[in-house]
PDB file of all heavy atoms in Angstrom:
ATOM      1  N   ILE A   1      54.182 111.994 108.231  1.00  0.00           N
ATOM      2  CA  ILE A   1      54.887 113.240 108.529  1.00  0.00           C
ATOM      3  C   ILE A   1      55.599 113.125 109.868  1.00  0.00           C
ATOM      4  O   ILE A   1      56.767 113.457 110.000  1.00  0.00           O
ATOM      5  CB  ILE A   1      53.916 114.437 108.522  1.00  0.00           C
ATOM      6  CG1 ILE A   1      53.435 114.713 107.097  1.00  0.00           C
ATOM      7  CG2 ILE A   1      54.561 115.676 109.131  1.00  0.00           C
ATOM      8  CD1 ILE A   1      52.317 115.720 107.010  1.00  0.00           C
ATOM      9  N   ARG A   2      54.891 112.620 110.868  1.00  0.00           N
ATOM     10  CA  ARG A   2      55.464 112.468 112.203  1.00  0.00           C
ATOM     11  C   ARG A   2      56.683 111.548 112.177  1.00  0.00           C
ATOM     12  O   ARG A   2      57.670 111.782 112.876  1.00  0.00           O
ATOM     13  CB  ARG A   2      54.402 111.921 113.152  1.00  0.00           C
ATOM     14  CG  ARG A   2      54.699 112.150 114.597  1.00  0.00           C
ATOM     15  CD  ARG A   2      53.534 111.742 115.484  1.00  0.00           C
ATOM     16  NE  ARG A   2      52.599 112.859 115.624  1.00  0.00           N
ATOM     17  CZ  ARG A   2      51.385 112.900 115.094  1.00  0.00           C
ATOM     18  NH1 ARG A   2      50.908 111.900 114.396  1.00  0.00           N
ATOM     19  NH2 ARG A   2      50.607 113.956 115.268  1.00  0.00           N
ATOM     20  N   ALA A   3      56.633 110.506 111.359  1.00  0.00           N
ATOM     21  CA  ALA A   3      57.706 109.506 111.328  1.00  0.00           C
ATOM     22  C   ALA A   3      58.908 109.922 110.483  1.00  0.00           C
ATOM     23  O   ALA A   3      60.020 109.488 110.763  1.00  0.00           O
ATOM     24  CB  ALA A   3      57.154 108.185 110.796  1.00  0.00           C
ATOM     25  N   THR A   4      58.693 110.762 109.466  1.00  0.00           N
ATOM     26  CA  THR A   4      59.787 110.989 108.518  1.00  0.00           C
ATOM     27  C   THR A   4      60.242 112.431 108.342  1.00  0.00           C
ATOM     28  O   THR A   4      61.329 112.650 107.837  1.00  0.00           O
ATOM     29  CB  THR A   4      59.394 110.449 107.119  1.00  0.00           C
ATOM     30  OG1 THR A   4      58.220 111.125 106.660  1.00  0.00           O
ATOM     31  CG2 THR A   4      59.154 108.946 107.157  1.00  0.00           C
ATOM     32  N   TRP A   5      59.449 113.405 108.748  1.00  0.00           N
ATOM     33  CA  TRP A   5      59.833 114.797 108.535  1.00  0.00           C
ATOM     34  C   TRP A   5      60.588 115.328 109.744  1.00  0.00           C
ATOM     35  O   TRP A   5      60.397 114.881 110.867  1.00  0.00           O
ATOM     36  CB  TRP A   5      58.607 115.667 108.293  1.00  0.00           C
ATOM     37  CG  TRP A   5      57.906 115.415 106.995  1.00  0.00           C
ATOM     38  CD1 TRP A   5      57.991 114.313 106.211  1.00  0.00           C
ATOM     39  CD2 TRP A   5      56.988 116.280 106.342  1.00  0.00           C
ATOM     40  NE1 TRP A   5      57.189 114.443 105.119  1.00  0.00           N
ATOM     41  CE2 TRP A   5      56.556 115.634 105.168  1.00  0.00           C
ATOM     42  CE3 TRP A   5      56.470 117.535 106.643  1.00  0.00           C
ATOM     43  CZ2 TRP A   5      55.651 116.223 104.293  1.00  0.00           C
ATOM     44  CZ3 TRP A   5      55.565 118.107 105.767  1.00  0.00           C
ATOM     45  CH2 TRP A   5      55.168 117.459 104.600  1.00  0.00           C
ATOM     46  N   GLY A   6      61.420 116.326 109.520  1.00  0.00           N
ATOM     47  CA  GLY A   6      62.159 116.970 110.600  1.00  0.00           C
ATOM     48  C   GLY A   6      61.327 118.054 111.264  1.00  0.00           C
ATOM     49  O   GLY A   6      60.097 118.080 111.164  1.00  0.00           O
ATOM     50  N   GLY A   7      61.976 118.996 111.919  1.00  0.00           N
ATOM     51  CA  GLY A   7      61.300 120.061 112.648  1.00  0.00           C
ATOM     52  C   GLY A   7      60.647 121.103 111.773  1.00  0.00           C
ATOM     53  O   GLY A   7      59.703 121.760 112.188  1.00  0.00           O
ATOM     54  N   THR A   8      61.161 121.263 110.561  1.00  0.00           N
ATOM     55  CA  THR A   8      60.542 122.179 109.611  1.00  0.00           C
ATOM     56  C   THR A   8      60.397 121.480 108.271  1.00  0.00           C
ATOM     57  O   THR A   8      61.064 120.489 107.994  1.00  0.00           O
ATOM     58  CB  THR A   8      61.355 123.473 109.411  1.00  0.00           C
ATOM     59  OG1 THR A   8      62.617 123.152 108.840  1.00  0.00           O
ATOM     60  CG2 THR A   8      61.525 124.230 110.720  1.00  0.00           C
ATOM     61  N   ALA A   9      59.515 122.036 107.443  1.00  0.00           N
ATOM     62  CA  ALA A   9      59.269 121.473 106.119  1.00  0.00           C
ATOM     63  C   ALA A   9      59.260 122.602 105.103  1.00  0.00           C
ATOM     64  O   ALA A   9      59.081 123.772 105.448  1.00  0.00           O
ATOM     65  CB  ALA A   9      57.921 120.754 106.100  1.00  0.00           C
ATOM     66  N   SER A  10      59.428 122.239 103.860  1.00  0.00           N
ATOM     67  CA  SER A  10      59.342 123.237 102.799  1.00  0.00           C
ATOM     68  C   SER A  10      57.890 123.668 102.620  1.00  0.00           C
ATOM     69  O   SER A  10      56.958 122.942 102.974  1.00  0.00           O
ATOM     70  CB  SER A  10      59.873 122.657 101.484  1.00  0.00           C
ATOM     71  OG  SER A  10      59.012 121.635 101.024  1.00  0.00           O
ATOM     72  N   VAL A  11      57.710 124.839 102.069  1.00  0.00           N
ATOM     73  CA  VAL A  11      56.360 125.323 101.769  1.00  0.00           C
ATOM     74  C   VAL A  11      55.701 124.385 100.765  1.00  0.00           C
ATOM     75  O   VAL A  11      54.503 124.109 100.862  1.00  0.00           O
ATOM     76  CB  VAL A  11      56.405 126.776 101.247  1.00  0.00           C
ATOM     77  CG1 VAL A  11      55.039 127.236 100.768  1.00  0.00           C
ATOM     78  CG2 VAL A  11      56.931 127.707 102.319  1.00  0.00           C
ATOM     79  N   GLU A  12      56.488 123.865  99.823  1.00  0.00           N
ATOM     80  CA  GLU A  12      55.948 122.951  98.821  1.00  0.00           C
ATOM     81  C   GLU A  12      55.344 121.709  99.466  1.00  0.00           C
ATOM     82  O   GLU A  12      54.210 121.321  99.161  1.00  0.00           O
ATOM     83  CB  GLU A  12      57.030 122.513  97.824  1.00  0.00           C
ATOM     84  CG  GLU A  12      57.531 123.619  96.945  1.00  0.00           C
ATOM     85  CD  GLU A  12      58.755 124.330  97.512  1.00  0.00           C
ATOM     86  OE1 GLU A  12      59.091 124.123  98.707  1.00  0.00           O
ATOM     87  OE2 GLU A  12      59.369 125.099  96.775  1.00  0.00           O
ATOM     88  N   ASP A  13      56.096 121.073 100.365  1.00  0.00           N
ATOM     89  CA  ASP A  13      55.607 119.859 101.023  1.00  0.00           C
ATOM     90  C   ASP A  13      54.411 120.143 101.928  1.00  0.00           C
ATOM     91  O   ASP A  13      53.432 119.401 101.941  1.00  0.00           O
ATOM     92  CB  ASP A  13      56.720 119.186 101.825  1.00  0.00           C
ATOM     93  CG  ASP A  13      57.710 118.445 100.942  1.00  0.00           C
ATOM     94  OD1 ASP A  13      57.354 118.094  99.798  1.00  0.00           O
ATOM     95  OD2 ASP A  13      58.837 118.204 101.417  1.00  0.00           O
ATOM     96  N   ALA A  14      54.490 121.222 102.687  1.00  0.00           N
ATOM     97  CA  ALA A  14      53.379 121.564 103.584  1.00  0.00           C
ATOM     98  C   ALA A  14      52.118 121.881 102.781  1.00  0.00           C
ATOM     99  O   ALA A  14      51.018 121.471 103.154  1.00  0.00           O
ATOM    100  CB  ALA A  14      53.761 122.747 104.470  1.00  0.00           C
ATOM    101  N   SER A  15      52.281 122.586 101.672  1.00  0.00           N
ATOM    102  CA  SER A  15      51.138 122.894 100.821  1.00  0.00           C
ATOM    103  C   SER A  15      50.512 121.628 100.276  1.00  0.00           C
ATOM    104  O   SER A  15      49.282 121.481 100.261  1.00  0.00           O
ATOM    105  CB  SER A  15      51.563 123.803  99.662  1.00  0.00           C
ATOM    106  OG  SER A  15      52.010 125.040 100.142  1.00  0.00           O
ATOM    107  N   ARG A  16      51.335 120.709  99.833  1.00  0.00           N
ATOM    108  CA  ARG A  16      50.819 119.447  99.307  1.00  0.00           C
ATOM    109  C   ARG A  16      50.072 118.675 100.399  1.00  0.00           C
ATOM    110  O   ARG A  16      49.018 118.101 100.153  1.00  0.00           O
ATOM    111  CB  ARG A  16      51.956 118.612  98.749  1.00  0.00           C
ATOM    112  CG  ARG A  16      51.439 117.360  98.064  1.00  0.00           C
ATOM    113  CD  ARG A  16      52.450 116.723  97.191  1.00  0.00           C
ATOM    114  NE  ARG A  16      52.744 117.625  96.089  1.00  0.00           N
ATOM    115  CZ  ARG A  16      53.780 117.479  95.286  1.00  0.00           C
ATOM    116  NH1 ARG A  16      54.597 116.481  95.446  1.00  0.00           N
ATOM    117  NH2 ARG A  16      54.004 118.327  94.311  1.00  0.00           N
ATOM    118  N   ALA A  17      50.603 118.681 101.615  1.00  0.00           N
ATOM    119  CA  ALA A  17      49.937 117.986 102.718  1.00  0.00           C
ATOM    120  C   ALA A  17      48.577 118.615 103.021  1.00  0.00           C
ATOM    121  O   ALA A  17      47.639 117.919 103.397  1.00  0.00           O
ATOM    122  CB  ALA A  17      50.817 118.014 103.970  1.00  0.00           C
ATOM    123  N   LEU A  18      48.476 119.925 102.830  1.00  0.00           N
ATOM    124  CA  LEU A  18      47.220 120.631 103.092  1.00  0.00           C
ATOM    125  C   LEU A  18      46.272 120.601 101.901  1.00  0.00           C
ATOM    126  O   LEU A  18      45.117 121.000 102.017  1.00  0.00           O
ATOM    127  CB  LEU A  18      47.512 122.085 103.488  1.00  0.00           C
ATOM    128  CG  LEU A  18      48.201 122.234 104.844  1.00  0.00           C
ATOM    129  CD1 LEU A  18      48.762 123.641 105.003  1.00  0.00           C
ATOM    130  CD2 LEU A  18      47.228 121.915 105.963  1.00  0.00           C
ATOM    131  N   GLY A  19      46.777 120.153 100.752  1.00  0.00           N
ATOM    132  CA  GLY A  19      45.915 119.978  99.589  1.00  0.00           C
ATOM    133  C   GLY A  19      45.833 121.153  98.638  1.00  0.00           C
ATOM    134  O   GLY A  19      44.875 121.264  97.884  1.00  0.00           O
ATOM    135  N   PHE A  20      46.810 122.036  98.667  1.00  0.00           N
ATOM    136  CA  PHE A  20      46.814 123.091  97.674  1.00  0.00           C
ATOM    137  C   PHE A  20      48.168 123.205  97.010  1.00  0.00           C
ATOM    138  O   PHE A  20      49.139 122.563  97.408  1.00  0.00           O
ATOM    139  CB  PHE A  20      46.323 124.448  98.211  1.00  0.00           C
ATOM    140  CG  PHE A  20      46.875 124.871  99.545  1.00  0.00           C
ATOM    141  CD1 PHE A  20      48.094 125.494  99.637  1.00  0.00           C
ATOM    142  CD2 PHE A  20      46.142 124.684 100.699  1.00  0.00           C
ATOM    143  CE1 PHE A  20      48.598 125.910 100.854  1.00  0.00           C
ATOM    144  CE2 PHE A  20      46.642 125.088 101.926  1.00  0.00           C
ATOM    145  CZ  PHE A  20      47.860 125.705 102.005  1.00  0.00           C
ATOM    146  N   SER A  21      48.242 124.018  95.962  1.00  0.00           N
ATOM    147  CA  SER A  21      49.439 124.092  95.121  1.00  0.00           C
ATOM    148  C   SER A  21      50.577 124.846  95.799  1.00  0.00           C
ATOM    149  O   SER A  21      50.375 125.596  96.757  1.00  0.00           O
ATOM    150  CB  SER A  21      49.105 124.780  93.800  1.00  0.00           C
ATOM    151  OG  SER A  21      48.896 126.168  94.000  1.00  0.00           O
ATOM    152  N   ARG A  22      51.758 124.639  95.247  1.00  0.00           N
ATOM    153  CA  ARG A  22      52.957 125.326  95.709  1.00  0.00           C
ATOM    154  C   ARG A  22      52.770 126.833  95.590  1.00  0.00           C
ATOM    155  O   ARG A  22      53.100 127.588  96.510  1.00  0.00           O
ATOM    156  CB  ARG A  22      54.122 124.846  94.853  1.00  0.00           C
ATOM    157  CG  ARG A  22      55.403 125.576  95.034  1.00  0.00           C
ATOM    158  CD  ARG A  22      56.418 125.079  93.972  1.00  0.00           C
ATOM    159  NE  ARG A  22      57.649 125.794  94.062  1.00  0.00           N
ATOM    160  CZ  ARG A  22      57.883 126.962  93.448  1.00  0.00           C
ATOM    161  NH1 ARG A  22      56.965 127.511  92.697  1.00  0.00           N
ATOM    162  NH2 ARG A  22      59.037 127.558  93.590  1.00  0.00           N
ATOM    163  N   ALA A  23      52.239 127.297  94.448  1.00  0.00           N
ATOM    164  CA  ALA A  23      52.045 128.733  94.228  1.00  0.00           C
ATOM    165  C   ALA A  23      51.091 129.324  95.266  1.00  0.00           C
ATOM    166  O   ALA A  23      51.352 130.403  95.812  1.00  0.00           O
ATOM    167  CB  ALA A  23      51.515 128.979  92.815  1.00  0.00           C
ATOM    168  N   LYS A  24      50.010 128.633  95.541  1.00  0.00           N
ATOM    169  CA  LYS A  24      49.048 129.094  96.545  1.00  0.00           C
ATOM    170  C   LYS A  24      49.707 129.139  97.922  1.00  0.00           C
ATOM    171  O   LYS A  24      49.509 130.080  98.694  1.00  0.00           O
ATOM    172  CB  LYS A  24      47.823 128.168  96.572  1.00  0.00           C
ATOM    173  CG  LYS A  24      46.784 128.532  97.592  1.00  0.00           C
ATOM    174  CD  LYS A  24      46.068 129.791  97.232  1.00  0.00           C
ATOM    175  CE  LYS A  24      44.908 130.026  98.180  1.00  0.00           C
ATOM    176  NZ  LYS A  24      44.219 131.275  97.883  1.00  0.00           N
ATOM    177  N   GLY A  25      50.524 128.132  98.226  1.00  0.00           N
ATOM    178  CA  GLY A  25      51.220 128.098  99.505  1.00  0.00           C
ATOM    179  C   GLY A  25      52.154 129.280  99.693  1.00  0.00           C
ATOM    180  O   GLY A  25      52.155 129.936 100.736  1.00  0.00           O
ATOM    181  N   TYR A  26      52.953 129.583  98.665  1.00  0.00           N
ATOM    182  CA  TYR A  26      53.858 130.725  98.760  1.00  0.00           C
ATOM    183  C   TYR A  26      53.093 132.043  98.826  1.00  0.00           C
ATOM    184  O   TYR A  26      53.499 132.959  99.538  1.00  0.00           O
ATOM    185  CB  TYR A  26      54.854 130.738  97.598  1.00  0.00           C
ATOM    186  CG  TYR A  26      56.057 129.878  97.875  1.00  0.00           C
ATOM    187  CD1 TYR A  26      56.256 128.687  97.196  1.00  0.00           C
ATOM    188  CD2 TYR A  26      56.998 130.249  98.835  1.00  0.00           C
ATOM    189  CE1 TYR A  26      57.363 127.890  97.451  1.00  0.00           C
ATOM    190  CE2 TYR A  26      58.104 129.468  99.109  1.00  0.00           C
ATOM    191  CZ  TYR A  26      58.280 128.287  98.410  1.00  0.00           C
ATOM    192  OH  TYR A  26      59.368 127.507  98.681  1.00  0.00           O
ATOM    193  N   ASP A  27      51.982 132.130  98.117  1.00  0.00           N
ATOM    194  CA  ASP A  27      51.170 133.342  98.170  1.00  0.00           C
ATOM    195  C   ASP A  27      50.608 133.551  99.580  1.00  0.00           C
ATOM    196  O   ASP A  27      50.679 134.656 100.129  1.00  0.00           O
ATOM    197  CB  ASP A  27      50.037 133.260  97.149  1.00  0.00           C
ATOM    198  CG  ASP A  27      49.222 134.538  97.098  1.00  0.00           C
ATOM    199  OD1 ASP A  27      49.826 135.632  96.997  1.00  0.00           O
ATOM    200  OD2 ASP A  27      47.980 134.442  97.156  1.00  0.00           O
ATOM    201  N   LEU A  28      50.087 132.491 100.180  1.00  0.00           N
ATOM    202  CA  LEU A  28      49.560 132.593 101.550  1.00  0.00           C
ATOM    203  C   LEU A  28      50.666 132.935 102.545  1.00  0.00           C
ATOM    204  O   LEU A  28      50.460 133.751 103.455  1.00  0.00           O
ATOM    205  CB  LEU A  28      48.873 131.286 101.948  1.00  0.00           C
ATOM    206  CG  LEU A  28      47.567 130.975 101.228  1.00  0.00           C
ATOM    207  CD1 LEU A  28      47.098 129.566 101.593  1.00  0.00           C
ATOM    208  CD2 LEU A  28      46.495 131.996 101.555  1.00  0.00           C
ATOM    209  N   ALA A  29      51.838 132.323 102.388  1.00  0.00           N
ATOM    210  CA  ALA A  29      52.963 132.602 103.293  1.00  0.00           C
ATOM    211  C   ALA A  29      53.404 134.057 103.160  1.00  0.00           C
ATOM    212  O   ALA A  29      53.659 134.731 104.163  1.00  0.00           O
ATOM    213  CB  ALA A  29      54.121 131.661 102.995  1.00  0.00           C
ATOM    214  N   ARG A  30      53.453 134.554 101.947  1.00  0.00           N
ATOM    215  CA  ARG A  30      53.859 135.939 101.707  1.00  0.00           C
ATOM    216  C   ARG A  30      52.893 136.913 102.369  1.00  0.00           C
ATOM    217  O   ARG A  30      53.300 137.923 102.941  1.00  0.00           O
ATOM    218  CB  ARG A  30      53.913 136.209 100.198  1.00  0.00           C
ATOM    219  CG  ARG A  30      54.326 137.617  99.827  1.00  0.00           C
ATOM    220  CD  ARG A  30      54.296 137.855  98.323  1.00  0.00           C
ATOM    221  NE  ARG A  30      53.030 137.506  97.694  1.00  0.00           N
ATOM    222  CZ  ARG A  30      51.930 138.270  97.720  1.00  0.00           C
ATOM    223  NH1 ARG A  30      51.935 139.417  98.350  1.00  0.00           N
ATOM    224  NH2 ARG A  30      50.831 137.873  97.110  1.00  0.00           N
ATOM    225  N   ARG A  31      51.596 136.605 102.342  1.00  0.00           N
ATOM    226  CA  ARG A  31      50.583 137.472 102.944  1.00  0.00           C
ATOM    227  C   ARG A  31      50.415 137.236 104.446  1.00  0.00           C
ATOM    228  O   ARG A  31      49.613 137.901 105.089  1.00  0.00           O
ATOM    229  CB  ARG A  31      49.242 137.265 102.237  1.00  0.00           C
ATOM    230  CG  ARG A  31      49.253 137.770 100.807  1.00  0.00           C
ATOM    231  CD  ARG A  31      47.896 137.700 100.177  1.00  0.00           C
ATOM    232  NE  ARG A  31      47.565 136.305  99.875  1.00  0.00           N
ATOM    233  CZ  ARG A  31      46.330 135.818  99.825  1.00  0.00           C
ATOM    234  NH1 ARG A  31      45.304 136.589 100.060  1.00  0.00           N
ATOM    235  NH2 ARG A  31      46.119 134.564  99.530  1.00  0.00           N
ATOM    236  N   GLY A  32      51.122 136.257 105.014  1.00  0.00           N
ATOM    237  CA  GLY A  32      50.985 135.950 106.437  1.00  0.00           C
ATOM    238  C   GLY A  32      49.720 135.184 106.749  1.00  0.00           C
ATOM    239  O   GLY A  32      49.240 135.217 107.875  1.00  0.00           O
ATOM    240  N   GLU A  33      49.165 134.482 105.757  1.00  0.00           N
ATOM    241  CA  GLU A  33      47.909 133.763 105.937  1.00  0.00           C
ATOM    242  C   GLU A  33      48.047 132.254 105.759  1.00  0.00           C
ATOM    243  O   GLU A  33      47.031 131.557 105.653  1.00  0.00           O
ATOM    244  CB  GLU A  33      46.877 134.302 104.944  1.00  0.00           C
ATOM    245  CG  GLU A  33      46.538 135.749 105.177  1.00  0.00           C
ATOM    246  CD  GLU A  33      45.601 136.310 104.127  1.00  0.00           C
ATOM    247  OE1 GLU A  33      45.184 135.559 103.223  1.00  0.00           O
ATOM    248  OE2 GLU A  33      45.297 137.501 104.207  1.00  0.00           O
ATOM    249  N   PHE A  34      49.265 131.739 105.734  1.00  0.00           N
ATOM    250  CA  PHE A  34      49.446 130.293 105.634  1.00  0.00           C
ATOM    251  C   PHE A  34      48.835 129.680 106.890  1.00  0.00           C
ATOM    252  O   PHE A  34      49.012 130.208 107.986  1.00  0.00           O
ATOM    253  CB  PHE A  34      50.938 129.953 105.534  1.00  0.00           C
ATOM    254  CG  PHE A  34      51.198 128.586 105.000  1.00  0.00           C
ATOM    255  CD1 PHE A  34      51.207 128.348 103.644  1.00  0.00           C
ATOM    256  CD2 PHE A  34      51.409 127.521 105.860  1.00  0.00           C
ATOM    257  CE1 PHE A  34      51.445 127.078 103.137  1.00  0.00           C
ATOM    258  CE2 PHE A  34      51.644 126.254 105.380  1.00  0.00           C
ATOM    259  CZ  PHE A  34      51.665 126.024 104.010  1.00  0.00           C
ATOM    260  N   PRO A  35      48.092 128.583 106.772  1.00  0.00           N
ATOM    261  CA  PRO A  35      47.360 128.061 107.939  1.00  0.00           C
ATOM    262  C   PRO A  35      48.236 127.484 109.051  1.00  0.00           C
ATOM    263  O   PRO A  35      47.722 127.086 110.082  1.00  0.00           O
ATOM    264  CB  PRO A  35      46.447 126.984 107.350  1.00  0.00           C
ATOM    265  CG  PRO A  35      46.937 126.724 105.990  1.00  0.00           C
ATOM    266  CD  PRO A  35      47.753 127.885 105.561  1.00  0.00           C
ATOM    267  N   CYS A  36      49.549 127.465 108.857  1.00  0.00           N
ATOM    268  CA  CYS A  36      50.479 126.952 109.877  1.00  0.00           C
ATOM    269  C   CYS A  36      51.512 128.032 110.191  1.00  0.00           C
ATOM    270  O   CYS A  36      51.655 129.004 109.477  1.00  0.00           O
ATOM    271  CB  CYS A  36      51.233 125.729 109.344  1.00  0.00           C
ATOM    272  SG  CYS A  36      50.185 124.455 108.690  1.00  0.00           S
ATOM    273  N   ARG A  37      52.249 127.795 111.251  1.00  0.00           N
ATOM    274  CA  ARG A  37      53.333 128.705 111.618  1.00  0.00           C
ATOM    275  C   ARG A  37      54.440 128.623 110.569  1.00  0.00           C
ATOM    276  O   ARG A  37      54.821 127.538 110.154  1.00  0.00           O
ATOM    277  CB  ARG A  37      53.899 128.346 112.985  1.00  0.00           C
ATOM    278  CG  ARG A  37      52.868 128.250 114.098  1.00  0.00           C
ATOM    279  CD  ARG A  37      52.494 129.527 114.717  1.00  0.00           C
ATOM    280  NE  ARG A  37      53.679 130.119 115.321  1.00  0.00           N
ATOM    281  CZ  ARG A  37      53.758 131.383 115.656  1.00  0.00           C
ATOM    282  NH1 ARG A  37      52.750 132.171 115.459  1.00  0.00           N
ATOM    283  NH2 ARG A  37      54.841 131.867 116.188  1.00  0.00           N
ATOM    284  N   VAL A  38      54.934 129.782 110.147  1.00  0.00           N
ATOM    285  CA  VAL A  38      55.958 129.865 109.110  1.00  0.00           C
ATOM    286  C   VAL A  38      57.153 130.642 109.647  1.00  0.00           C
ATOM    287  O   VAL A  38      56.992 131.642 110.339  1.00  0.00           O
ATOM    288  CB  VAL A  38      55.396 130.576 107.859  1.00  0.00           C
ATOM    289  CG1 VAL A  38      56.477 130.809 106.819  1.00  0.00           C
ATOM    290  CG2 VAL A  38      54.248 129.779 107.259  1.00  0.00           C
ATOM    291  N   LEU A  39      58.342 130.154 109.333  1.00  0.00           N
ATOM    292  CA  LEU A  39      59.579 130.851 109.691  1.00  0.00           C
ATOM    293  C   LEU A  39      60.188 131.436 108.436  1.00  0.00           C
ATOM    294  O   LEU A  39      60.295 130.750 107.419  1.00  0.00           O
ATOM    295  CB  LEU A  39      60.595 129.877 110.293  1.00  0.00           C
ATOM    296  CG  LEU A  39      60.287 129.262 111.633  1.00  0.00           C
ATOM    297  CD1 LEU A  39      61.358 128.222 111.963  1.00  0.00           C
ATOM    298  CD2 LEU A  39      60.256 130.320 112.700  1.00  0.00           C
ATOM    299  N   ARG A  40      60.597 132.678 108.518  1.00  0.00           N
ATOM    300  CA  ARG A  40      61.340 133.287 107.416  1.00  0.00           C
ATOM    301  C   ARG A  40      62.756 133.515 107.909  1.00  0.00           C
ATOM    302  O   ARG A  40      62.979 134.267 108.854  1.00  0.00           O
ATOM    303  CB  ARG A  40      60.683 134.589 106.992  1.00  0.00           C
ATOM    304  CG  ARG A  40      59.389 134.365 106.269  1.00  0.00           C
ATOM    305  CD  ARG A  40      58.816 135.679 105.742  1.00  0.00           C
ATOM    306  NE  ARG A  40      57.552 135.450 105.092  1.00  0.00           N
ATOM    307  CZ  ARG A  40      56.383 135.394 105.695  1.00  0.00           C
ATOM    308  NH1 ARG A  40      56.313 135.539 106.994  1.00  0.00           N
ATOM    309  NH2 ARG A  40      55.274 135.191 105.014  1.00  0.00           N
TER     310      ARG A  40
END
């Protein structure tokens, strides 16, 4: 991630890195509970 990703990542990629599904990632982001900082 450090070597190849830019300053921001998609929710899909971040969710995969954290080990959960895209749907779960978007649900957490929508509720403000994604474990990382999110920009809308």
